[in-house]
Amino acid sequence: MRRRVRYRLIAHHGEEQAPAAGRLAVLVEARLRAAGVRVPGASGAGGAPTQ
């Protein structure tokens, strides 16, 4: 039983890091914009840059 749990932890380590980093970036950009800071390259929705 312990081997399965250990394998699952190792096999799935880091899977949630990229989505969490993306959400954090969107949150930080939103807070900066709310404070009146211009965020270069930010679209306002965390997507592709606007021109």
C-alpha atoms as a PDB file:
ATOM      1  CA  MET A   1       0.000   0.000   0.000  1.00  0.00           C
ATOM      2  CA  ARG A   2       2.758   2.475   0.886  1.00  0.00           C
ATOM      3  CA  ARG A   3       4.482   1.887  -2.434  1.00  0.00           C
ATOM      4  CA  ARG A   4       1.357   2.889  -4.344  1.00  0.00           C
ATOM      5  CA  VAL A   5       0.952   6.093  -2.356  1.00  0.00           C
ATOM      6  CA  ARG A   6       4.627   6.964  -2.733  1.00  0.00           C
ATOM      7  CA  TYR A   7       4.541   6.251  -6.476  1.00  0.00           C
ATOM      8  CA  ARG A   8       1.410   8.395  -6.898  1.00  0.00           C
ATOM      9  CA  LEU A   9       3.056  11.291  -5.052  1.00  0.00           C
ATOM     10  CA  ILE A  10       6.179  11.056  -7.201  1.00  0.00           C
ATOM     11  CA  ALA A  11       4.302  10.507 -10.470  1.00  0.00           C
ATOM     12  CA  HIS A  12       2.004  13.498  -9.993  1.00  0.00           C
ATOM     13  CA  HIS A  13       4.435  15.890  -8.308  1.00  0.00           C
ATOM     14  CA  GLY A  14       4.286  19.358  -9.841  1.00  0.00           C
ATOM     15  CA  GLU A  15       1.169  18.843 -11.961  1.00  0.00           C
ATOM     16  CA  GLU A  16      -0.685  21.695 -10.281  1.00  0.00           C
ATOM     17  CA  GLN A  17       2.202  24.180 -10.261  1.00  0.00           C
ATOM     18  CA  ALA A  18       1.697  25.675 -13.732  1.00  0.00           C
ATOM     19  CA  PRO A  19      -2.049  26.373 -13.314  1.00  0.00           C
ATOM     20  CA  ALA A  20      -1.411  27.853  -9.870  1.00  0.00           C
ATOM     21  CA  ALA A  21       1.346  30.096 -11.229  1.00  0.00           C
ATOM     22  CA  GLY A  22      -0.979  31.304 -13.991  1.00  0.00           C
ATOM     23  CA  ARG A  23      -3.739  32.126 -11.523  1.00  0.00           C
ATOM     24  CA  LEU A  24      -1.260  33.971  -9.315  1.00  0.00           C
ATOM     25  CA  ALA A  25       0.003  36.043 -12.263  1.00  0.00           C
ATOM     26  CA  VAL A  26      -3.568  36.997 -13.208  1.00  0.00           C
ATOM     27  CA  LEU A  27      -4.335  37.939  -9.598  1.00  0.00           C
ATOM     28  CA  VAL A  28      -1.203  40.083  -9.259  1.00  0.00           C
ATOM     29  CA  GLU A  29      -1.891  41.843 -12.579  1.00  0.00           C
ATOM     30  CA  ALA A  30      -5.496  42.533 -11.545  1.00  0.00           C
ATOM     31  CA  ARG A  31      -4.394  44.008  -8.224  1.00  0.00           C
ATOM     32  CA  LEU A  32      -1.763  46.175  -9.898  1.00  0.00           C
ATOM     33  CA  ARG A  33      -4.297  47.461 -12.445  1.00  0.00           C
ATOM     34  CA  ALA A  34      -6.792  48.152  -9.649  1.00  0.00           C
ATOM     35  CA  ALA A  35      -4.107  50.242  -7.952  1.00  0.00           C
ATOM     36  CA  GLY A  36      -3.640  52.252 -11.144  1.00  0.00           C
ATOM     37  CA  VAL A  37      -0.387  50.657 -12.283  1.00  0.00           C
ATOM     38  CA  ARG A  38      -0.020  50.090 -16.031  1.00  0.00           C
ATOM     39  CA  VAL A  39       0.989  46.492 -16.672  1.00  0.00           C
ATOM     40  CA  PRO A  40       2.816  46.275 -20.008  1.00  0.00           C
ATOM     41  CA  GLY A  41       1.730  43.332 -22.154  1.00  0.00           C
ATOM     42  CA  ALA A  42      -1.271  42.498 -19.965  1.00  0.00           C
ATOM     43  CA  SER A  43      -4.624  42.176 -21.683  1.00  0.00           C
ATOM     44  CA  GLY A  44      -6.687  42.546 -18.560  1.00  0.00           C
ATOM     45  CA  ALA A  45      -7.766  38.908 -18.619  1.00  0.00           C
ATOM     46  CA  GLY A  46      -4.408  37.203 -18.349  1.00  0.00           C
ATOM     47  CA  GLY A  47      -4.361  36.305 -22.019  1.00  0.00           C
ATOM     48  CA  ALA A  48      -2.364  37.508 -25.002  1.00  0.00           C
ATOM     49  CA  PRO A  49      -1.000  41.063 -24.970  1.00  0.00           C
ATOM     50  CA  THR A  50      -3.136  43.819 -26.455  1.00  0.00           C
ATOM     51  CA  GLN A  51      -1.898  46.558 -28.721  1.00  0.00           C
END
